[in-house]
C-alpha atoms as a PDB file:
ATOM      1  CA  UNK A   1     106.585 121.804 115.962  1.00  0.00           C
ATOM      2  CA  UNK A   2     103.368 123.813 115.552  1.00  0.00           C
ATOM      3  CA  UNK A   3     103.727 127.383 116.789  1.00  0.00           C
ATOM      4  CA  UNK A   4     101.057 128.726 119.234  1.00  0.00           C
ATOM      5  CA  UNK A   5      99.407 131.897 117.967  1.00  0.00           C
ATOM      6  CA  UNK A   6      97.165 134.173 119.939  1.00  0.00           C
ATOM      7  CA  UNK A   7      93.566 134.790 118.835  1.00  0.00           C
ATOM      8  CA  UNK A   8      94.155 138.271 117.510  1.00  0.00           C
ATOM      9  CA  UNK A   9      97.128 137.319 115.270  1.00  0.00           C
ATOM     10  CA  UNK A  10      94.995 134.389 113.723  1.00  0.00           C
ATOM     11  CA  UNK A  11      92.055 136.708 113.164  1.00  0.00           C
ATOM     12  CA  UNK A  12      94.280 139.285 111.489  1.00  0.00           C
ATOM     13  CA  UNK A  13      95.821 136.579 109.196  1.00  0.00           C
ATOM     14  CA  UNK A  14      92.398 135.363 108.187  1.00  0.00           C
ATOM     15  CA  UNK A  15      91.144 138.949 107.472  1.00  0.00           C
ATOM     16  CA  UNK A  16      94.296 139.557 105.351  1.00  0.00           C
ATOM     17  CA  UNK A  17      93.808 136.411 103.254  1.00  0.00           C
ATOM     18  CA  UNK A  18      90.086 136.572 102.692  1.00  0.00           C
ATOM     19  CA  UNK A  19      90.168 139.019  99.678  1.00  0.00           C
ATOM     20  CA  UNK A  20      92.496 136.654  97.875  1.00  0.00           C
ATOM     21  CA  UNK A  21      90.698 133.216  98.445  1.00  0.00           C
ATOM     22  CA  UNK A  22      87.157 131.979  98.219  1.00  0.00           C
ATOM     23  CA  UNK A  23      87.039 130.701 101.847  1.00  0.00           C
ATOM     24  CA  UNK A  24      89.434 130.996 104.712  1.00  0.00           C
ATOM     25  CA  UNK A  25      88.230 129.400 107.994  1.00  0.00           C
ATOM     26  CA  UNK A  26      89.321 127.699 111.224  1.00  0.00           C
ATOM     27  CA  UNK A  27      88.058 124.238 111.766  1.00  0.00           C
ATOM     28  CA  UNK A  28      87.982 121.973 114.877  1.00  0.00           C
ATOM     29  CA  UNK A  29      88.460 118.831 112.834  1.00  0.00           C
ATOM     30  CA  UNK A  30      87.933 116.522 115.736  1.00  0.00           C
ATOM     31  CA  UNK A  31      84.338 117.543 116.068  1.00  0.00           C
ATOM     32  CA  UNK A  32      83.909 118.609 112.359  1.00  0.00           C
ATOM     33  CA  UNK A  33      83.001 122.129 113.494  1.00  0.00           C
ATOM     34  CA  UNK A  34      83.778 125.523 111.927  1.00  0.00           C
ATOM     35  CA  UNK A  35      84.967 128.055 114.464  1.00  0.00           C
ATOM     36  CA  UNK A  36      83.938 131.772 114.672  1.00  0.00           C
ATOM     37  CA  UNK A  37      85.195 134.660 116.674  1.00  0.00           C
ATOM     38  CA  UNK A  38      83.174 136.152 119.414  1.00  0.00           C
ATOM     39  CA  UNK A  39      83.913 139.907 119.598  1.00  0.00           C
ATOM     40  CA  UNK A  40      82.468 140.622 123.103  1.00  0.00           C
ATOM     41  CA  UNK A  41      84.368 137.793 124.872  1.00  0.00           C
ATOM     42  CA  UNK A  42      87.423 137.678 122.506  1.00  0.00           C
ATOM     43  CA  UNK A  43      87.066 134.006 122.256  1.00  0.00           C
ATOM     44  CA  UNK A  44      86.203 131.419 119.671  1.00  0.00           C
ATOM     45  CA  UNK A  45      83.229 129.117 119.456  1.00  0.00           C
ATOM     46  CA  UNK A  46      82.025 126.129 117.393  1.00  0.00           C
ATOM     47  CA  UNK A  47      79.326 126.805 114.846  1.00  0.00           C
ATOM     48  CA  UNK A  48      78.174 124.516 111.967  1.00  0.00           C
ATOM     49  CA  UNK A  49      79.713 121.292 110.519  1.00  0.00           C
ATOM     50  CA  UNK A  50      82.618 121.871 108.169  1.00  0.00           C
ATOM     51  CA  UNK A  51      81.430 119.247 105.544  1.00  0.00           C
ATOM     52  CA  UNK A  52      78.159 121.145 105.023  1.00  0.00           C
ATOM     53  CA  UNK A  53      80.198 123.422 102.688  1.00  0.00           C
ATOM     54  CA  UNK A  54      80.592 120.534 100.352  1.00  0.00           C
ATOM     55  CA  UNK A  55      76.869 119.514 100.501  1.00  0.00           C
ATOM     56  CA  UNK A  56      77.757 116.346 102.438  1.00  0.00           C
ATOM     57  CA  UNK A  57      76.128 114.683 105.451  1.00  0.00           C
ATOM     58  CA  UNK A  58      79.218 113.386 107.164  1.00  0.00           C
ATOM     59  CA  UNK A  59      82.984 113.929 107.371  1.00  0.00           C
ATOM     60  CA  UNK A  60      84.772 113.978 103.987  1.00  0.00           C
ATOM     61  CA  UNK A  61      86.321 110.577 103.056  1.00  0.00           C
ATOM     62  CA  UNK A  62      89.479 112.365 102.185  1.00  0.00           C
ATOM     63  CA  UNK A  63      89.550 114.532 105.211  1.00  0.00           C
ATOM     64  CA  UNK A  64      92.961 116.337 104.826  1.00  0.00           C
ATOM     65  CA  UNK A  65      92.178 118.480 107.921  1.00  0.00           C
ATOM     66  CA  UNK A  66      92.147 115.442 110.213  1.00  0.00           C
ATOM     67  CA  UNK A  67      95.174 114.124 108.378  1.00  0.00           C
ATOM     68  CA  UNK A  68      97.021 117.485 108.905  1.00  0.00           C
ATOM     69  CA  UNK A  69      96.063 117.370 112.692  1.00  0.00           C
ATOM     70  CA  UNK A  70      97.310 113.782 113.164  1.00  0.00           C
ATOM     71  CA  UNK A  71     100.571 114.343 111.285  1.00  0.00           C
ATOM     72  CA  UNK A  72     101.295 117.873 112.387  1.00  0.00           C
ATOM     73  CA  UNK A  73     101.959 119.042 108.748  1.00  0.00           C
ATOM     74  CA  UNK A  74     100.007 120.817 106.033  1.00  0.00           C
ATOM     75  CA  UNK A  75      97.924 118.640 103.669  1.00  0.00           C
ATOM     76  CA  UNK A  76      96.230 119.445 100.342  1.00  0.00           C
ATOM     77  CA  UNK A  77      93.338 118.051  98.296  1.00  0.00           C
ATOM     78  CA  UNK A  78      90.795 118.913  95.645  1.00  0.00           C
ATOM     79  CA  UNK A  79      87.107 119.027  96.662  1.00  0.00           C
ATOM     80  CA  UNK A  80      83.910 119.465  94.726  1.00  0.00           C
ATOM     81  CA  UNK A  81      80.679 121.455  95.111  1.00  0.00           C
ATOM     82  CA  UNK A  82      78.054 121.106  92.413  1.00  0.00           C
ATOM     83  CA  UNK A  83      80.128 121.195  89.257  1.00  0.00           C
ATOM     84  CA  UNK A  84      82.912 123.356  90.616  1.00  0.00           C
ATOM     85  CA  UNK A  85      86.399 122.184  91.711  1.00  0.00           C
ATOM     86  CA  UNK A  86      88.240 123.694  94.660  1.00  0.00           C
ATOM     87  CA  UNK A  87      91.759 123.404  95.959  1.00  0.00           C
ATOM     88  CA  UNK A  88      91.938 123.073  99.725  1.00  0.00           C
ATOM     89  CA  UNK A  89      94.937 123.557 101.931  1.00  0.00           C
ATOM     90  CA  UNK A  90      94.659 122.366 105.632  1.00  0.00           C
ATOM     91  CA  UNK A  91      97.252 123.885 108.038  1.00  0.00           C
ATOM     92  CA  UNK A  92      97.493 122.832 111.656  1.00  0.00           C
ATOM     93  CA  UNK A  93      97.575 125.717 114.139  1.00  0.00           C
ATOM     94  CA  UNK A  94      97.357 126.140 117.825  1.00  0.00           C
ATOM     95  CA  UNK A  95      95.315 129.133 118.941  1.00  0.00           C
ATOM     96  CA  UNK A  96      95.363 130.558 122.501  1.00  0.00           C
ATOM     97  CA  UNK A  97      92.240 132.583 123.352  1.00  0.00           C
ATOM     98  CA  UNK A  98      91.859 135.381 125.936  1.00  0.00           C
ATOM     99  CA  UNK A  99      91.089 132.893 128.656  1.00  0.00           C
ATOM    100  CA  UNK A 100      94.445 131.182 128.104  1.00  0.00           C
ATOM    101  CA  UNK A 101      92.829 128.023 126.572  1.00  0.00           C
ATOM    102  CA  UNK A 102      94.856 126.496 123.722  1.00  0.00           C
ATOM    103  CA  UNK A 103      92.745 125.161 120.773  1.00  0.00           C
ATOM    104  CA  UNK A 104      94.270 122.639 118.256  1.00  0.00           C
ATOM    105  CA  UNK A 105      92.648 123.718 115.079  1.00  0.00           C
ATOM    106  CA  UNK A 106      93.052 123.639 111.277  1.00  0.00           C
ATOM    107  CA  UNK A 107      93.359 126.720 109.072  1.00  0.00           C
ATOM    108  CA  UNK A 108      91.567 125.845 105.879  1.00  0.00           C
ATOM    109  CA  UNK A 109      92.324 127.914 102.774  1.00  0.00           C
ATOM    110  CA  UNK A 110      89.913 127.199  99.875  1.00  0.00           C
ATOM    111  CA  UNK A 111      90.026 128.542  96.313  1.00  0.00           C
ATOM    112  CA  UNK A 112      88.302 127.596  93.038  1.00  0.00           C
ATOM    113  CA  UNK A 113      90.360 126.005  90.318  1.00  0.00           C
ATOM    114  CA  UNK A 114      89.986 126.332  86.486  1.00  0.00           C
ATOM    115  CA  UNK A 115      89.539 122.921  84.672  1.00  0.00           C
ATOM    116  CA  UNK A 116      92.453 123.491  82.203  1.00  0.00           C
ATOM    117  CA  UNK A 117      94.950 124.030  85.033  1.00  0.00           C
ATOM    118  CA  UNK A 118      93.973 120.709  86.592  1.00  0.00           C
ATOM    119  CA  UNK A 119      94.249 118.852  83.310  1.00  0.00           C
ATOM    120  CA  UNK A 120      97.815 120.248  83.003  1.00  0.00           C
ATOM    121  CA  UNK A 121      98.608 119.267  86.570  1.00  0.00           C
ATOM    122  CA  UNK A 122      97.427 115.653  85.944  1.00  0.00           C
ATOM    123  CA  UNK A 123      99.108 115.539  82.497  1.00  0.00           C
ATOM    124  CA  UNK A 124      95.846 114.876  80.649  1.00  0.00           C
ATOM    125  CA  UNK A 125      94.032 116.410  77.640  1.00  0.00           C
ATOM    126  CA  UNK A 126      90.841 118.503  78.293  1.00  0.00           C
ATOM    127  CA  UNK A 127      89.327 116.314  75.450  1.00  0.00           C
ATOM    128  CA  UNK A 128      89.665 113.060  77.447  1.00  0.00           C
ATOM    129  CA  UNK A 129      86.855 110.895  78.453  1.00  0.00           C
ATOM    130  CA  UNK A 130      86.906 111.596  82.184  1.00  0.00           C
ATOM    131  CA  UNK A 131      85.590 114.742  83.814  1.00  0.00           C
ATOM    132  CA  UNK A 132      87.862 116.552  86.307  1.00  0.00           C
ATOM    133  CA  UNK A 133      85.739 115.272  89.155  1.00  0.00           C
ATOM    134  CA  UNK A 134      86.036 111.674  87.888  1.00  0.00           C
ATOM    135  CA  UNK A 135      89.759 112.144  87.426  1.00  0.00           C
ATOM    136  CA  UNK A 136      90.420 113.423  90.894  1.00  0.00           C
ATOM    137  CA  UNK A 137      88.130 110.958  92.587  1.00  0.00           C
ATOM    138  CA  UNK A 138      89.916 108.043  90.819  1.00  0.00           C
ATOM    139  CA  UNK A 139      93.254 109.451  91.843  1.00  0.00           C
ATOM    140  CA  UNK A 140      92.400 109.698  95.524  1.00  0.00           C
ATOM    141  CA  UNK A 141      90.843 106.246  95.539  1.00  0.00           C
ATOM    142  CA  UNK A 142      94.049 104.773  93.952  1.00  0.00           C
ATOM    143  CA  UNK A 143      96.255 106.466  96.580  1.00  0.00           C
ATOM    144  CA  UNK A 144      94.710 104.444  99.443  1.00  0.00           C
ATOM    145  CA  UNK A 145      93.434 101.300  97.671  1.00  0.00           C
ATOM    146  CA  UNK A 146      95.209  98.021  97.141  1.00  0.00           C
ATOM    147  CA  UNK A 147      95.397  97.455  93.363  1.00  0.00           C
ATOM    148  CA  UNK A 148      94.529  93.731  93.472  1.00  0.00           C
ATOM    149  CA  UNK A 149      91.876  93.399  96.096  1.00  0.00           C
ATOM    150  CA  UNK A 150      90.332  96.893  96.217  1.00  0.00           C
ATOM    151  CA  UNK A 151      90.638  96.977  99.975  1.00  0.00           C
ATOM    152  CA  UNK A 152      92.645  99.724 101.733  1.00  0.00           C
ATOM    153  CA  UNK A 153      96.454  99.614 101.581  1.00  0.00           C
ATOM    154  CA  UNK A 154      99.345 100.199 104.039  1.00  0.00           C
ATOM    155  CA  UNK A 155      99.432 103.929 103.317  1.00  0.00           C
ATOM    156  CA  UNK A 156      95.850 104.262 104.506  1.00  0.00           C
ATOM    157  CA  UNK A 157      96.916 102.464 107.748  1.00  0.00           C
ATOM    158  CA  UNK A 158     100.107 104.479 108.361  1.00  0.00           C
ATOM    159  CA  UNK A 159      98.122 107.786 107.956  1.00  0.00           C
ATOM    160  CA  UNK A 160      95.567 106.637 110.663  1.00  0.00           C
ATOM    161  CA  UNK A 161      92.697 107.069 108.330  1.00  0.00           C
ATOM    162  CA  UNK A 162      90.982 104.182 110.056  1.00  0.00           C
ATOM    163  CA  UNK A 163      90.406 106.341 113.121  1.00  0.00           C
ATOM    164  CA  UNK A 164      87.838 108.535 111.331  1.00  0.00           C
ATOM    165  CA  UNK A 165      86.703 106.494 108.321  1.00  0.00           C
ATOM    166  CA  UNK A 166      82.966 107.195 107.976  1.00  0.00           C
ATOM    167  CA  UNK A 167      82.981 108.641 111.454  1.00  0.00           C
ATOM    168  CA  UNK A 168      82.783 112.245 112.456  1.00  0.00           C
ATOM    169  CA  UNK A 169      84.611 111.599 115.662  1.00  0.00           C
ATOM    170  CA  UNK A 170      88.123 110.267 116.167  1.00  0.00           C
ATOM    171  CA  UNK A 171      87.915 106.724 117.601  1.00  0.00           C
ATOM    172  CA  UNK A 172      89.839 105.785 120.709  1.00  0.00           C
ATOM    173  CA  UNK A 173      88.487 102.160 121.150  1.00  0.00           C
ATOM    174  CA  UNK A 174      90.066 100.217 118.401  1.00  0.00           C
ATOM    175  CA  UNK A 175      90.499  96.445 117.758  1.00  0.00           C
ATOM    176  CA  UNK A 176      93.247  95.228 115.368  1.00  0.00           C
ATOM    177  CA  UNK A 177      92.714  91.776 113.979  1.00  0.00           C
ATOM    178  CA  UNK A 178      95.719  90.279 112.084  1.00  0.00           C
ATOM    179  CA  UNK A 179      94.728  87.727 109.437  1.00  0.00           C
ATOM    180  CA  UNK A 180      96.696  85.549 106.977  1.00  0.00           C
ATOM    181  CA  UNK A 181      95.639  82.597 104.831  1.00  0.00           C
ATOM    182  CA  UNK A 182      96.409  79.058 105.793  1.00  0.00           C
ATOM    183  CA  UNK A 183      98.758  77.327 103.310  1.00  0.00           C
ATOM    184  CA  UNK A 184      98.636  80.107 100.869  1.00  0.00           C
ATOM    185  CA  UNK A 185     102.092  79.427  99.496  1.00  0.00           C
ATOM    186  CA  UNK A 186     100.910  75.882  98.686  1.00  0.00           C
ATOM    187  CA  UNK A 187      97.860  77.327  96.939  1.00  0.00           C
ATOM    188  CA  UNK A 188     100.193  79.448  94.802  1.00  0.00           C
ATOM    189  CA  UNK A 189     102.698  76.617  94.147  1.00  0.00           C
ATOM    190  CA  UNK A 190     100.194  73.898  93.257  1.00  0.00           C
ATOM    191  CA  UNK A 191      97.320  75.740  91.749  1.00  0.00           C
ATOM    192  CA  UNK A 192      98.985  78.829  90.228  1.00  0.00           C
ATOM    193  CA  UNK A 193      99.315  82.580  91.013  1.00  0.00           C
ATOM    194  CA  UNK A 194      96.096  83.300  89.032  1.00  0.00           C
ATOM    195  CA  UNK A 195      94.154  81.061  91.541  1.00  0.00           C
ATOM    196  CA  UNK A 196      96.053  82.566  94.410  1.00  0.00           C
ATOM    197  CA  UNK A 197      95.065  86.146  93.233  1.00  0.00           C
ATOM    198  CA  UNK A 198      91.372  85.037  92.903  1.00  0.00           C
ATOM    199  CA  UNK A 199      91.505  83.704  96.407  1.00  0.00           C
ATOM    200  CA  UNK A 200      92.859  87.030  97.799  1.00  0.00           C
ATOM    201  CA  UNK A 201      90.161  88.973  95.942  1.00  0.00           C
ATOM    202  CA  UNK A 202      87.441  86.589  97.265  1.00  0.00           C
ATOM    203  CA  UNK A 203      88.734  86.762 100.883  1.00  0.00           C
ATOM    204  CA  UNK A 204      89.020  90.665 100.826  1.00  0.00           C
ATOM    205  CA  UNK A 205      85.490  90.852  99.330  1.00  0.00           C
ATOM    206  CA  UNK A 206      84.062  88.725 102.114  1.00  0.00           C
ATOM    207  CA  UNK A 207      85.785  90.747 104.786  1.00  0.00           C
ATOM    208  CA  UNK A 208      84.341  93.952 103.342  1.00  0.00           C
ATOM    209  CA  UNK A 209      80.859  92.541 103.146  1.00  0.00           C
ATOM    210  CA  UNK A 210      80.864  91.451 106.805  1.00  0.00           C
ATOM    211  CA  UNK A 211      81.995  94.542 108.607  1.00  0.00           C
ATOM    212  CA  UNK A 212      80.421  97.833 109.395  1.00  0.00           C
ATOM    213  CA  UNK A 213      80.824 100.949 107.255  1.00  0.00           C
ATOM    214  CA  UNK A 214      83.104 102.624 109.864  1.00  0.00           C
ATOM    215  CA  UNK A 215      85.398  99.628 109.990  1.00  0.00           C
ATOM    216  CA  UNK A 216      88.278  98.941 107.619  1.00  0.00           C
ATOM    217  CA  UNK A 217      89.952  96.064 105.818  1.00  0.00           C
ATOM    218  CA  UNK A 218      93.617  96.665 104.874  1.00  0.00           C
ATOM    219  CA  UNK A 219      95.908  94.477 102.951  1.00  0.00           C
ATOM    220  CA  UNK A 220      99.416  94.708 104.273  1.00  0.00           C
ATOM    221  CA  UNK A 221     100.917  92.703 101.474  1.00  0.00           C
ATOM    222  CA  UNK A 222     100.954  89.038 100.240  1.00  0.00           C
ATOM    223  CA  UNK A 223      98.166  87.208 102.094  1.00  0.00           C
ATOM    224  CA  UNK A 224      98.411  89.418 105.162  1.00  0.00           C
ATOM    225  CA  UNK A 225      95.366  91.597 106.141  1.00  0.00           C
ATOM    226  CA  UNK A 226      94.389  93.609 109.109  1.00  0.00           C
ATOM    227  CA  UNK A 227      90.805  94.294 110.041  1.00  0.00           C
ATOM    228  CA  UNK A 228      90.271  97.409 112.162  1.00  0.00           C
ATOM    229  CA  UNK A 229      87.042  97.645 114.251  1.00  0.00           C
ATOM    230  CA  UNK A 230      86.399 101.040 115.858  1.00  0.00           C
ATOM    231  CA  UNK A 231      84.129 101.445 118.913  1.00  0.00           C
ATOM    232  CA  UNK A 232      83.374  97.793 118.771  1.00  0.00           C
ATOM    233  CA  UNK A 233      82.443  95.748 121.889  1.00  0.00           C
ATOM    234  CA  UNK A 234      85.500  93.882 123.078  1.00  0.00           C
ATOM    235  CA  UNK A 235      83.476  90.842 124.174  1.00  0.00           C
ATOM    236  CA  UNK A 236      82.160  90.362 120.678  1.00  0.00           C
ATOM    237  CA  UNK A 237      85.399  90.307 118.729  1.00  0.00           C
ATOM    238  CA  UNK A 238      86.024  86.624 118.953  1.00  0.00           C
ATOM    239  CA  UNK A 239      82.512  85.732 117.793  1.00  0.00           C
ATOM    240  CA  UNK A 240      82.932  88.239 115.000  1.00  0.00           C
ATOM    241  CA  UNK A 241      86.115  86.593 113.782  1.00  0.00           C
ATOM    242  CA  UNK A 242      84.639  83.123 114.037  1.00  0.00           C
ATOM    243  CA  UNK A 243      81.691  84.312 111.819  1.00  0.00           C
ATOM    244  CA  UNK A 244      84.207  85.723 109.317  1.00  0.00           C
ATOM    245  CA  UNK A 245      86.285  82.497 109.297  1.00  0.00           C
ATOM    246  CA  UNK A 246      83.143  80.505 108.643  1.00  0.00           C
ATOM    247  CA  UNK A 247      82.354  82.737 105.686  1.00  0.00           C
ATOM    248  CA  UNK A 248      85.935  82.355 104.364  1.00  0.00           C
ATOM    249  CA  UNK A 249      85.657  78.561 104.568  1.00  0.00           C
ATOM    250  CA  UNK A 250      82.787  78.711 102.060  1.00  0.00           C
ATOM    251  CA  UNK A 251      85.341  79.595  99.393  1.00  0.00           C
ATOM    252  CA  UNK A 252      86.057  76.308  97.562  1.00  0.00           C
ATOM    253  CA  UNK A 253      89.402  75.040  96.288  1.00  0.00           C
ATOM    254  CA  UNK A 254      89.796  72.433  93.580  1.00  0.00           C
ATOM    255  CA  UNK A 255      92.594  70.525  95.327  1.00  0.00           C
ATOM    256  CA  UNK A 256      92.994  67.052  96.771  1.00  0.00           C
ATOM    257  CA  UNK A 257      94.904  68.448  99.714  1.00  0.00           C
ATOM    258  CA  UNK A 258      92.613  71.370 100.570  1.00  0.00           C
ATOM    259  CA  UNK A 259      89.019  71.636  99.786  1.00  0.00           C
ATOM    260  CA  UNK A 260      88.387  75.227 100.910  1.00  0.00           C
ATOM    261  CA  UNK A 261      90.190  78.382 101.971  1.00  0.00           C
ATOM    262  CA  UNK A 262      90.927  78.940 105.703  1.00  0.00           C
ATOM    263  CA  UNK A 263      92.569  81.688 107.808  1.00  0.00           C
ATOM    264  CA  UNK A 264      94.657  82.299 110.892  1.00  0.00           C
ATOM    265  CA  UNK A 265      93.971  85.287 113.009  1.00  0.00           C
ATOM    266  CA  UNK A 266      94.819  87.018 116.237  1.00  0.00           C
ATOM    267  CA  UNK A 267      93.774  90.390 117.758  1.00  0.00           C
ATOM    268  CA  UNK A 268      94.622  93.068 120.056  1.00  0.00           C
ATOM    269  CA  UNK A 269      92.339  95.769 121.544  1.00  0.00           C
ATOM    270  CA  UNK A 270      92.857  99.186 123.116  1.00  0.00           C
ATOM    271  CA  UNK A 271      90.479 101.615 124.749  1.00  0.00           C
ATOM    272  CA  UNK A 272      92.942 104.561 124.358  1.00  0.00           C
ATOM    273  CA  UNK A 273      94.628 104.432 120.990  1.00  0.00           C
ATOM    274  CA  UNK A 274      97.629 106.805 120.799  1.00  0.00           C
ATOM    275  CA  UNK A 275      98.340 108.526 117.482  1.00  0.00           C
ATOM    276  CA  UNK A 276     101.915 107.717 116.794  1.00  0.00           C
ATOM    277  CA  UNK A 277     103.764 105.321 114.399  1.00  0.00           C
ATOM    278  CA  UNK A 278     105.629 103.623 117.215  1.00  0.00           C
ATOM    279  CA  UNK A 279     102.406 102.891 119.145  1.00  0.00           C
ATOM    280  CA  UNK A 280     100.710 101.579 115.849  1.00  0.00           C
ATOM    281  CA  UNK A 281     103.765  99.333 115.221  1.00  0.00           C
ATOM    282  CA  UNK A 282     103.575  98.037 118.753  1.00  0.00           C
ATOM    283  CA  UNK A 283      99.890  97.293 118.656  1.00  0.00           C
ATOM    284  CA  UNK A 284     100.171  95.593 115.198  1.00  0.00           C
ATOM    285  CA  UNK A 285     102.971  93.332 116.557  1.00  0.00           C
ATOM    286  CA  UNK A 286     100.738  92.365 119.493  1.00  0.00           C
ATOM    287  CA  UNK A 287      98.028  91.302 117.032  1.00  0.00           C
ATOM    288  CA  UNK A 288     100.641  89.424 114.952  1.00  0.00           C
ATOM    289  CA  UNK A 289     101.975  87.706 117.986  1.00  0.00           C
ATOM    290  CA  UNK A 290      98.496  86.658 119.028  1.00  0.00           C
ATOM    291  CA  UNK A 291      97.948  85.165 115.622  1.00  0.00           C
ATOM    292  CA  UNK A 292     101.125  83.065 115.916  1.00  0.00           C
ATOM    293  CA  UNK A 293     100.094  81.786 119.289  1.00  0.00           C
ATOM    294  CA  UNK A 294      96.874  80.650 117.790  1.00  0.00           C
ATOM    295  CA  UNK A 295      98.771  78.975 114.969  1.00  0.00           C
ATOM    296  CA  UNK A 296     100.968  77.201 117.454  1.00  0.00           C
ATOM    297  CA  UNK A 297      98.020  75.992 119.513  1.00  0.00           C
ATOM    298  CA  UNK A 298      96.511  74.372 116.449  1.00  0.00           C
ATOM    299  CA  UNK A 299      99.562  72.318 115.588  1.00  0.00           C
END
C-alpha cells in the first residue's frame, strides 16, 4: 500500500536528496508532466513534459514511471542523454496538497552512471564490440520481445505496457483480438517445425505491418497471438480483422491439403479498461471464447 504524504514532507525529502543526485523530481506520469511546488498557494502544478529531459518527443518506450504507477511498486531503468547514461528509480507516491487534494505521482531519482560499473553489472568487458547504450537498449528490447517472431511477449502484456505504447496518455478504450492459426499442428506435423516457425514469423510480421504505431501485437505462446487496439472505433474492428485475415491468406503453403495460411479470431472491447490482473484475465478469456464461437460456427 502506498503511504499518503503531505506536500511539505515530500518537498523536504526532495530538498534533502537533491545534493546527492543529478535530478530529483515529481512526475504526473499519466499526463507525462513534471510537477513543481507553488510557494504562495502551497500547492503543486504541472509544468513541462518529463520526456523532454531525455531529448525525446513522446513518452519513453520503457516508461518505468508508468509501470511503477500501474503496479504500485518501485521500478528502475537506465536512460540516455547524448552520450551519457543515467540510472532512474521511479517510486510511486501519493501527495496531499494544502487543499486536501490527493495526487498520484511518481518520485523520480536520476543519477549518472560510469561506463565501467555498467559493464560489471552486465558481466561484460569494456573492450567489447557494443557500446553501453547499445547493450542496454538490446537488453530492454529482449525483456519484452518474443525471441522467435520479434513481436511483444506475455510479460509486455502482463505489465500493461500496451496501455501507453507510443501514447502519452493511458488508454481506456481497448480492443483485444485473440488469434490462432488454423491447422497449425498439421503444418508442424506434415511440413516440419522449421516451416511452422517460418509461418509464425510471417504472420507476426504481417500483423505488425497492418496496425498503427500505438497498437500492439503480442505472442502468447505457440500459435496464439493477441492484437491490442487502443482508442480504436468499435464499429471498425471486424473490418480490420477481415483485412488482416485476407493478408494472412496470401502466405502460401506447399501442401496438397492446405494451399495457404489462415487464422481464427475473436475479440472483446471495453471503453473503461481496469488496471488489474484479474480484469485482464477476464477480458482475454472473453476474446478467447469469442474466437471459439467463431470456430464452432465455421464447422
